[in-house]
């Protein structure tokens, strides 16, 4: 009887461990798939983009172009290609809508951030975001926009990719 009971416990333990390993494998697989999707999207997202429309008008001031790099850094440029500000960004193309979050280098000091969404269609990119502050892992600001409309967003940008020579 003792050996049957022992065998039962060993079997139950092994099955439980296999189930946990299976769940862990699924989580790793999902994380790997998301990571691959982000890397693919970075290929399409990276480049120099002309700002063609801004809502509300004037919010980007002198910025005429945005440059997104594969290392997840970006820069805003004026008409003379002088850098106005720079920072980092994150993408999640697996979300609906797709997520685009960014923070300027200056905002990193104050905890400022921007939560946004994006649509990428060939050489057209639409982004919108809200600005807020992270404090003790809590967001203070409007929630992430769900659509490309004011007043739910603080800014909505339409961009067009510039040619390779730019």
N, C-alpha and C. Protein backbone atom coordinates (compact mmCIF):
# COMPACT_ATOMS: atom_id res chain seq x y z
N UNK A 1 0.81 -1.18 0.00
CA UNK A 1 0.00 0.00 0.00
C UNK A 1 0.87 1.26 0.00
N UNK A 2 1.96 1.24 0.84
CA UNK A 2 2.83 2.39 0.90
C UNK A 2 3.49 2.65 -0.44
N UNK A 3 3.91 1.60 -1.13
CA UNK A 3 4.57 1.79 -2.42
C UNK A 3 3.58 2.32 -3.46
N UNK A 4 2.32 1.90 -3.41
CA UNK A 4 1.31 2.40 -4.35
C UNK A 4 1.06 3.88 -4.09
N UNK A 5 0.96 4.26 -2.83
CA UNK A 5 0.74 5.64 -2.46
C UNK A 5 1.94 6.49 -2.88
N UNK A 6 3.15 6.00 -2.65
CA UNK A 6 4.36 6.70 -3.04
C UNK A 6 4.40 6.90 -4.56
N UNK A 7 4.08 5.84 -5.30
CA UNK A 7 4.07 5.92 -6.76
C UNK A 7 3.05 6.96 -7.23
N UNK A 8 1.90 6.99 -6.59
CA UNK A 8 0.86 7.95 -6.94
C UNK A 8 1.38 9.38 -6.75
N UNK A 9 2.03 9.67 -5.62
CA UNK A 9 2.55 11.00 -5.35
C UNK A 9 3.66 11.39 -6.33
N UNK A 10 4.53 10.45 -6.65
CA UNK A 10 5.60 10.73 -7.61
C UNK A 10 4.99 11.03 -8.98
N UNK A 11 4.01 10.27 -9.39
CA UNK A 11 3.34 10.46 -10.67
C UNK A 11 2.63 11.82 -10.70
N UNK A 12 1.93 12.15 -9.63
CA UNK A 12 1.23 13.43 -9.55
C UNK A 12 2.22 14.59 -9.63
N UNK A 13 3.34 14.46 -8.92
CA UNK A 13 4.36 15.49 -8.94
C UNK A 13 4.92 15.68 -10.35
N UNK A 14 5.23 14.58 -11.01
CA UNK A 14 5.79 14.64 -12.37
C UNK A 14 4.80 15.26 -13.34
N UNK A 15 3.54 14.88 -13.25
CA UNK A 15 2.53 15.46 -14.14
C UNK A 15 2.37 16.95 -13.88
N UNK A 16 2.39 17.34 -12.62
CA UNK A 16 2.30 18.76 -12.28
C UNK A 16 3.48 19.53 -12.81
N UNK A 17 4.66 18.97 -12.69
CA UNK A 17 5.86 19.61 -13.20
C UNK A 17 5.81 19.73 -14.72
N UNK A 18 5.34 18.69 -15.39
CA UNK A 18 5.23 18.74 -16.85
C UNK A 18 4.23 19.80 -17.27
N UNK A 19 3.13 19.94 -16.54
CA UNK A 19 2.13 20.96 -16.87
C UNK A 19 2.72 22.35 -16.70
N UNK A 20 3.48 22.56 -15.60
CA UNK A 20 4.12 23.85 -15.39
C UNK A 20 5.13 24.14 -16.49
N UNK A 21 5.92 23.14 -16.89
CA UNK A 21 6.88 23.32 -17.98
C UNK A 21 6.17 23.66 -19.28
N UNK A 22 5.03 23.04 -19.51
CA UNK A 22 4.26 23.31 -20.72
C UNK A 22 3.77 24.76 -20.72
N UNK A 23 3.25 25.23 -19.58
CA UNK A 23 2.79 26.61 -19.48
C UNK A 23 3.95 27.58 -19.65
N UNK A 24 5.08 27.26 -19.06
CA UNK A 24 6.26 28.10 -19.19
C UNK A 24 6.70 28.16 -20.65
N UNK A 25 6.64 27.04 -21.33
CA UNK A 25 6.98 27.00 -22.75
C UNK A 25 6.05 27.86 -23.58
N UNK A 26 4.75 27.85 -23.25
CA UNK A 26 3.78 28.68 -23.96
C UNK A 26 4.08 30.15 -23.74
N UNK A 27 4.40 30.53 -22.51
CA UNK A 27 4.72 31.92 -22.20
C UNK A 27 5.97 32.35 -22.96
N UNK A 28 7.00 31.49 -22.97
CA UNK A 28 8.22 31.80 -23.73
C UNK A 28 7.92 31.94 -25.21
N UNK A 29 7.10 31.05 -25.73
CA UNK A 29 6.75 31.08 -27.14
C UNK A 29 6.02 32.37 -27.51
N UNK A 30 5.09 32.79 -26.65
CA UNK A 30 4.36 34.04 -26.89
C UNK A 30 5.31 35.23 -26.82
N UNK A 31 6.21 35.23 -25.85
CA UNK A 31 7.18 36.32 -25.73
C UNK A 31 8.11 36.36 -26.94
N UNK A 32 8.54 35.19 -27.40
CA UNK A 32 9.40 35.14 -28.59
C UNK A 32 8.66 35.65 -29.82
N UNK A 33 7.39 35.28 -29.97
CA UNK A 33 6.59 35.73 -31.11
C UNK A 33 6.42 37.25 -31.07
N UNK A 34 6.16 37.79 -29.89
CA UNK A 34 6.00 39.24 -29.74
C UNK A 34 7.32 39.94 -30.07
N UNK A 35 8.42 39.40 -29.58
CA UNK A 35 9.74 39.99 -29.84
C UNK A 35 10.03 40.00 -31.34
N UNK A 36 9.72 38.91 -32.03
CA UNK A 36 9.93 38.85 -33.49
C UNK A 36 9.04 39.86 -34.21
N UNK A 37 7.79 40.00 -33.76
CA UNK A 37 6.87 40.96 -34.38
C UNK A 37 7.40 42.39 -34.20
N UNK A 38 7.93 42.69 -33.03
CA UNK A 38 8.49 44.03 -32.78
C UNK A 38 9.69 44.28 -33.68
N UNK A 39 10.57 43.31 -33.79
CA UNK A 39 11.75 43.48 -34.65
C UNK A 39 11.34 43.70 -36.11
N UNK A 40 10.35 42.96 -36.60
CA UNK A 40 9.86 43.16 -37.97
C UNK A 40 9.27 44.56 -38.14
N UNK A 41 8.51 44.98 -37.15
CA UNK A 41 7.87 46.30 -37.23
C UNK A 41 8.91 47.42 -37.18
N UNK A 42 9.97 47.22 -36.40
CA UNK A 42 11.03 48.23 -36.34
C UNK A 42 11.65 48.44 -37.73
N UNK A 43 11.75 47.37 -38.51
CA UNK A 43 12.27 47.50 -39.88
C UNK A 43 11.41 48.46 -40.69
N UNK A 44 10.09 48.35 -40.56
CA UNK A 44 9.16 49.20 -41.31
C UNK A 44 9.05 50.59 -40.71
N UNK A 45 9.12 50.69 -39.41
CA UNK A 45 8.92 51.94 -38.69
C UNK A 45 10.13 52.87 -38.82
N UNK A 46 11.32 52.29 -38.89
CA UNK A 46 12.56 53.07 -38.92
C UNK A 46 12.67 53.87 -40.21
N UNK A 47 13.16 55.08 -40.08
CA UNK A 47 13.35 55.94 -41.24
C UNK A 47 13.07 57.38 -40.88
N UNK A 48 13.10 58.22 -41.90
CA UNK A 48 12.82 59.65 -41.74
C UNK A 48 11.42 59.93 -42.26
N UNK A 49 10.63 60.59 -41.44
CA UNK A 49 9.21 60.85 -41.73
C UNK A 49 8.94 62.35 -41.72
N UNK A 50 8.32 62.82 -42.79
CA UNK A 50 7.89 64.22 -42.91
C UNK A 50 6.57 64.37 -42.16
N UNK A 51 6.46 65.39 -41.33
CA UNK A 51 5.20 65.68 -40.65
C UNK A 51 4.30 66.39 -41.65
N UNK A 52 3.17 65.78 -42.00
CA UNK A 52 2.27 66.39 -42.99
C UNK A 52 1.02 66.99 -42.36
N UNK A 53 0.66 66.56 -41.16
CA UNK A 53 -0.48 67.16 -40.47
C UNK A 53 -0.30 67.00 -38.97
N UNK A 54 -0.68 68.04 -38.24
CA UNK A 54 -0.58 68.04 -36.78
C UNK A 54 -1.89 68.56 -36.21
N UNK A 55 -2.43 67.83 -35.26
CA UNK A 55 -3.61 68.28 -34.53
C UNK A 55 -3.30 68.22 -33.05
N UNK A 56 -3.46 69.25 -32.29
CA UNK A 56 -3.82 70.59 -32.70
C UNK A 56 -2.65 71.28 -33.40
N UNK A 57 -2.96 72.21 -34.30
CA UNK A 57 -1.90 72.89 -35.06
C UNK A 57 -0.90 73.58 -34.13
N UNK A 58 0.38 73.53 -34.52
CA UNK A 58 1.42 74.25 -33.82
C UNK A 58 2.04 73.52 -32.64
N UNK A 59 1.49 72.38 -32.26
CA UNK A 59 1.98 71.71 -31.05
C UNK A 59 3.41 71.17 -31.21
N UNK A 60 3.81 70.84 -32.44
CA UNK A 60 5.17 70.34 -32.65
C UNK A 60 6.17 71.46 -32.90
N UNK A 61 5.71 72.71 -32.85
CA UNK A 61 6.52 73.91 -33.02
C UNK A 61 7.31 73.85 -34.32
N UNK A 62 8.64 73.91 -34.25
CA UNK A 62 9.46 73.96 -35.46
C UNK A 62 9.73 72.60 -36.08
N UNK A 63 9.33 71.53 -35.44
CA UNK A 63 9.65 70.19 -35.95
C UNK A 63 8.97 69.97 -37.30
N UNK A 64 9.77 69.50 -38.26
CA UNK A 64 9.27 69.21 -39.61
C UNK A 64 9.40 67.73 -39.95
N UNK A 65 10.33 67.06 -39.26
CA UNK A 65 10.57 65.64 -39.53
C UNK A 65 10.82 64.89 -38.22
N UNK A 66 10.50 63.61 -38.24
CA UNK A 66 10.86 62.70 -37.15
C UNK A 66 11.69 61.58 -37.73
N UNK A 67 12.74 61.23 -37.03
CA UNK A 67 13.60 60.12 -37.45
C UNK A 67 13.49 59.04 -36.39
N UNK A 68 13.04 57.85 -36.81
CA UNK A 68 12.96 56.70 -35.92
C UNK A 68 14.04 55.71 -36.33
N UNK A 69 14.81 55.25 -35.34
CA UNK A 69 15.92 54.34 -35.61
C UNK A 69 15.62 52.95 -35.05
N UNK A 70 16.29 51.96 -35.62
CA UNK A 70 16.07 50.56 -35.21
C UNK A 70 16.49 50.30 -33.76
N UNK A 71 17.35 51.15 -33.22
CA UNK A 71 17.76 50.98 -31.82
C UNK A 71 16.75 51.60 -30.85
N UNK A 72 15.60 52.00 -31.38
CA UNK A 72 14.48 52.55 -30.61
C UNK A 72 14.76 53.94 -30.06
N UNK A 73 15.57 54.69 -30.78
CA UNK A 73 15.77 56.10 -30.47
C UNK A 73 15.12 56.91 -31.57
N UNK A 74 14.80 58.14 -31.25
CA UNK A 74 14.21 59.02 -32.26
C UNK A 74 14.73 60.43 -32.07
N UNK A 75 14.53 61.26 -33.11
CA UNK A 75 14.89 62.67 -33.05
C UNK A 75 13.87 63.46 -33.84
N UNK A 76 13.59 64.66 -33.36
CA UNK A 76 12.75 65.62 -34.09
C UNK A 76 13.69 66.63 -34.72
N UNK A 77 13.48 66.90 -36.01
CA UNK A 77 14.37 67.79 -36.76
C UNK A 77 13.59 69.00 -37.26
N UNK A 78 14.28 70.14 -37.35
CA UNK A 78 13.66 71.32 -37.94
C UNK A 78 13.87 71.31 -39.46
N UNK A 79 13.46 72.38 -40.13
CA UNK A 79 13.56 72.46 -41.59
C UNK A 79 15.00 72.37 -42.07
N UNK A 80 15.97 72.76 -41.25
CA UNK A 80 17.38 72.69 -41.62
C UNK A 80 18.06 71.41 -41.13
N UNK A 81 17.28 70.44 -40.73
CA UNK A 81 17.77 69.15 -40.23
C UNK A 81 18.55 69.25 -38.92
N UNK A 82 18.31 70.31 -38.16
CA UNK A 82 18.91 70.45 -36.84
C UNK A 82 18.03 69.73 -35.82
N UNK A 83 18.66 68.99 -34.93
CA UNK A 83 17.91 68.25 -33.92
C UNK A 83 17.31 69.21 -32.89
N UNK A 84 16.00 69.08 -32.70
CA UNK A 84 15.31 69.90 -31.71
C UNK A 84 15.19 69.18 -30.37
N UNK A 85 14.87 67.90 -30.43
CA UNK A 85 14.83 67.06 -29.24
C UNK A 85 14.97 65.61 -29.68
N UNK A 86 15.26 64.76 -28.72
CA UNK A 86 15.46 63.34 -29.02
C UNK A 86 14.98 62.52 -27.83
N UNK A 87 14.88 61.23 -28.05
CA UNK A 87 14.45 60.34 -26.98
C UNK A 87 14.41 58.90 -27.42
N UNK A 88 13.61 58.12 -26.74
CA UNK A 88 13.46 56.70 -27.03
C UNK A 88 11.99 56.37 -27.23
N UNK A 89 11.73 55.23 -27.85
CA UNK A 89 10.35 54.80 -28.07
C UNK A 89 10.26 53.29 -27.99
N UNK A 90 9.06 52.82 -27.76
CA UNK A 90 8.74 51.39 -27.74
C UNK A 90 7.54 51.15 -28.65
N UNK A 91 7.51 49.99 -29.27
CA UNK A 91 6.39 49.58 -30.12
C UNK A 91 5.83 48.27 -29.63
N UNK A 92 4.54 48.09 -29.84
CA UNK A 92 3.92 46.78 -29.66
C UNK A 92 2.91 46.58 -30.78
N UNK A 93 3.36 45.98 -31.89
CA UNK A 93 2.47 45.75 -33.02
C UNK A 93 1.48 44.63 -32.78
N UNK A 94 1.59 43.92 -31.66
CA UNK A 94 0.66 42.82 -31.38
C UNK A 94 -0.59 43.31 -30.64
N UNK A 95 -0.61 44.56 -30.21
CA UNK A 95 -1.77 45.14 -29.53
C UNK A 95 -2.75 45.69 -30.55
N UNK A 96 -3.99 45.84 -30.12
CA UNK A 96 -5.01 46.48 -30.95
C UNK A 96 -5.65 47.59 -30.14
N UNK A 97 -5.47 48.85 -30.53
CA UNK A 97 -4.61 49.32 -31.62
C UNK A 97 -3.13 49.14 -31.26
N UNK A 98 -2.29 49.27 -32.27
CA UNK A 98 -0.85 49.11 -32.06
C UNK A 98 -0.33 50.21 -31.13
N UNK A 99 0.60 49.85 -30.25
CA UNK A 99 1.10 50.75 -29.22
C UNK A 99 2.41 51.40 -29.64
N UNK A 100 2.49 52.71 -29.43
CA UNK A 100 3.69 53.51 -29.65
C UNK A 100 3.87 54.41 -28.44
N UNK A 101 4.82 54.11 -27.59
CA UNK A 101 5.11 54.93 -26.42
C UNK A 101 6.48 55.57 -26.61
N UNK A 102 6.61 56.80 -26.15
CA UNK A 102 7.90 57.47 -26.29
C UNK A 102 8.14 58.42 -25.15
N UNK A 103 9.40 58.75 -24.98
CA UNK A 103 9.80 59.70 -23.95
C UNK A 103 11.01 60.48 -24.47
N UNK A 104 10.96 61.79 -24.30
CA UNK A 104 12.11 62.59 -24.69
C UNK A 104 13.20 62.44 -23.63
N UNK A 105 14.42 62.74 -24.02
CA UNK A 105 15.52 62.65 -23.07
C UNK A 105 15.28 63.60 -21.89
N UNK A 106 14.72 64.78 -22.16
CA UNK A 106 14.43 65.74 -21.10
C UNK A 106 13.33 65.21 -20.17
N UNK A 107 12.32 64.56 -20.73
CA UNK A 107 11.20 64.06 -19.92
C UNK A 107 11.63 62.90 -19.03
N UNK A 108 12.69 62.19 -19.42
CA UNK A 108 13.17 61.09 -18.57
C UNK A 108 13.57 61.61 -17.19
N UNK A 109 14.09 62.83 -17.14
CA UNK A 109 14.52 63.42 -15.87
C UNK A 109 13.32 63.68 -14.95
N UNK A 110 12.19 64.06 -15.53
CA UNK A 110 11.02 64.42 -14.72
C UNK A 110 10.01 63.29 -14.59
N UNK A 111 10.27 62.17 -15.28
CA UNK A 111 9.32 61.06 -15.23
C UNK A 111 8.23 61.16 -16.27
N UNK A 112 8.34 62.15 -17.16
CA UNK A 112 7.34 62.36 -18.20
C UNK A 112 7.40 61.27 -19.25
N UNK A 113 6.27 61.04 -19.87
CA UNK A 113 6.17 59.97 -20.85
C UNK A 113 5.02 60.30 -21.78
N UNK A 114 4.92 59.57 -22.85
CA UNK A 114 3.78 59.71 -23.75
C UNK A 114 3.31 58.31 -24.11
N UNK A 115 2.03 58.07 -23.89
CA UNK A 115 1.42 56.80 -24.26
C UNK A 115 0.66 57.02 -25.56
N UNK A 116 0.90 56.16 -26.54
CA UNK A 116 0.27 56.40 -27.82
C UNK A 116 -0.09 55.14 -28.57
N UNK A 117 -0.66 55.39 -29.73
CA UNK A 117 -1.02 54.33 -30.68
C UNK A 117 -0.54 54.76 -32.06
N UNK A 118 -0.49 53.78 -32.97
CA UNK A 118 -0.06 54.11 -34.33
C UNK A 118 -0.71 53.19 -35.35
N UNK A 119 -0.73 53.69 -36.59
CA UNK A 119 -1.11 52.90 -37.76
C UNK A 119 -0.02 53.10 -38.80
N UNK A 120 0.49 52.03 -39.32
CA UNK A 120 1.54 52.09 -40.33
C UNK A 120 1.01 51.43 -41.59
N UNK A 121 0.97 52.21 -42.69
CA UNK A 121 0.48 51.70 -43.96
C UNK A 121 1.45 52.13 -45.05
N UNK A 122 2.45 51.28 -45.31
CA UNK A 122 3.45 51.60 -46.33
C UNK A 122 4.25 52.83 -45.94
N UNK A 123 4.13 53.89 -46.74
CA UNK A 123 4.87 55.13 -46.49
C UNK A 123 4.04 56.16 -45.73
N UNK A 124 2.97 55.72 -45.12
CA UNK A 124 2.12 56.60 -44.30
C UNK A 124 2.10 56.08 -42.87
N UNK A 125 2.28 56.99 -41.93
CA UNK A 125 2.29 56.65 -40.51
C UNK A 125 1.42 57.66 -39.79
N UNK A 126 0.52 57.16 -38.98
CA UNK A 126 -0.33 58.01 -38.16
C UNK A 126 -0.06 57.63 -36.71
N UNK A 127 0.20 58.63 -35.88
CA UNK A 127 0.46 58.40 -34.46
C UNK A 127 -0.36 59.39 -33.65
N UNK A 128 -0.71 58.98 -32.46
CA UNK A 128 -1.30 59.92 -31.52
C UNK A 128 -0.93 59.50 -30.13
N UNK A 129 -0.95 60.47 -29.22
CA UNK A 129 -0.53 60.15 -27.86
C UNK A 129 -1.12 61.12 -26.85
N UNK A 130 -0.99 60.73 -25.61
CA UNK A 130 -1.29 61.58 -24.47
C UNK A 130 0.00 61.70 -23.66
N UNK A 131 0.13 62.82 -22.99
CA UNK A 131 1.32 63.07 -22.21
C UNK A 131 0.96 63.00 -20.73
N UNK A 132 1.84 62.40 -19.97
CA UNK A 132 1.60 62.29 -18.53
C UNK A 132 2.90 62.02 -17.80
N UNK A 133 2.76 61.56 -16.58
CA UNK A 133 3.91 61.32 -15.72
C UNK A 133 3.75 59.97 -15.03
N UNK A 134 4.83 59.22 -15.01
CA UNK A 134 4.89 58.00 -14.22
C UNK A 134 5.41 58.38 -12.84
N UNK A 135 4.69 58.01 -11.81
CA UNK A 135 5.16 58.24 -10.44
C UNK A 135 4.86 57.00 -9.64
N UNK A 136 5.93 56.37 -9.14
CA UNK A 136 5.81 55.14 -8.37
C UNK A 136 4.99 54.09 -9.12
N UNK A 137 5.29 53.95 -10.39
CA UNK A 137 4.68 52.96 -11.28
C UNK A 137 3.19 53.20 -11.54
N UNK A 138 2.70 54.41 -11.23
CA UNK A 138 1.31 54.77 -11.51
C UNK A 138 1.29 55.88 -12.54
N UNK A 139 0.42 55.76 -13.53
CA UNK A 139 0.30 56.74 -14.60
C UNK A 139 -0.60 57.88 -14.13
N UNK A 140 -0.15 59.10 -14.34
CA UNK A 140 -0.93 60.29 -14.04
C UNK A 140 -1.12 61.05 -15.34
N UNK A 141 -2.31 60.98 -15.88
CA UNK A 141 -2.61 61.63 -17.15
C UNK A 141 -3.80 60.95 -17.78
N UNK A 142 -4.17 61.42 -18.97
CA UNK A 142 -5.26 60.78 -19.70
C UNK A 142 -4.89 59.34 -20.00
N UNK A 143 -5.88 58.48 -20.17
CA UNK A 143 -5.57 57.10 -20.58
C UNK A 143 -5.08 57.07 -22.03
N UNK A 144 -4.40 55.99 -22.38
CA UNK A 144 -3.93 55.80 -23.75
C UNK A 144 -5.11 55.97 -24.71
N UNK A 145 -4.95 56.74 -25.78
CA UNK A 145 -6.06 56.91 -26.71
C UNK A 145 -6.42 55.58 -27.39
N UNK A 146 -7.68 55.43 -27.73
CA UNK A 146 -8.15 54.24 -28.43
C UNK A 146 -8.43 54.53 -29.89
N UNK A 147 -8.42 55.81 -30.24
CA UNK A 147 -8.64 56.22 -31.63
C UNK A 147 -7.86 57.50 -31.90
N UNK A 148 -7.75 57.85 -33.17
CA UNK A 148 -6.92 58.97 -33.60
C UNK A 148 -7.75 60.25 -33.64
N UNK A 149 -8.22 60.69 -32.46
CA UNK A 149 -9.07 61.87 -32.39
C UNK A 149 -8.76 62.68 -31.14
N UNK A 150 -8.84 63.99 -31.32
CA UNK A 150 -8.83 64.89 -30.18
C UNK A 150 -10.26 64.89 -29.65
N UNK A 151 -10.57 65.12 -28.43
CA UNK A 151 -9.72 65.47 -27.32
C UNK A 151 -9.20 64.27 -26.54
N UNK A 152 -9.49 63.04 -26.97
CA UNK A 152 -8.97 61.87 -26.26
C UNK A 152 -7.46 61.79 -26.33
N UNK A 153 -6.88 62.36 -27.38
CA UNK A 153 -5.43 62.41 -27.55
C UNK A 153 -4.97 63.85 -27.36
N UNK A 154 -3.73 64.03 -26.91
CA UNK A 154 -3.16 65.37 -26.80
C UNK A 154 -2.62 65.85 -28.15
N UNK A 155 -2.17 64.90 -28.98
CA UNK A 155 -1.65 65.25 -30.30
C UNK A 155 -1.90 64.09 -31.25
N UNK A 156 -2.22 64.43 -32.51
CA UNK A 156 -2.37 63.44 -33.59
C UNK A 156 -1.49 63.92 -34.73
N UNK A 157 -0.59 63.04 -35.18
CA UNK A 157 0.33 63.37 -36.27
C UNK A 157 0.11 62.43 -37.44
N UNK A 158 0.14 63.00 -38.63
CA UNK A 158 0.19 62.19 -39.85
C UNK A 158 1.55 62.45 -40.48
N UNK A 159 2.22 61.36 -40.85
CA UNK A 159 3.57 61.43 -41.38
C UNK A 159 3.67 60.68 -42.71
N UNK A 160 4.61 61.12 -43.54
CA UNK A 160 4.90 60.43 -44.80
C UNK A 160 6.39 60.16 -44.84
N UNK A 161 6.73 58.92 -45.21
CA UNK A 161 8.15 58.53 -45.26
C UNK A 161 8.85 59.31 -46.37
N UNK A 162 10.04 59.82 -46.03
CA UNK A 162 10.86 60.48 -47.03
C UNK A 162 11.70 59.43 -47.75
N UNK A 163 12.08 59.71 -48.97
CA UNK A 163 12.86 58.77 -49.77
C UNK A 163 14.20 58.44 -49.13
N UNK A 164 14.84 57.40 -49.65
CA UNK A 164 16.11 56.92 -49.10
C UNK A 164 17.21 57.97 -49.17
N UNK A 165 17.11 58.91 -50.11
CA UNK A 165 18.14 59.93 -50.27
C UNK A 165 18.04 61.04 -49.24
N UNK A 166 17.04 61.05 -48.43
CA UNK A 166 16.78 62.14 -47.49
C UNK A 166 17.41 61.87 -46.16
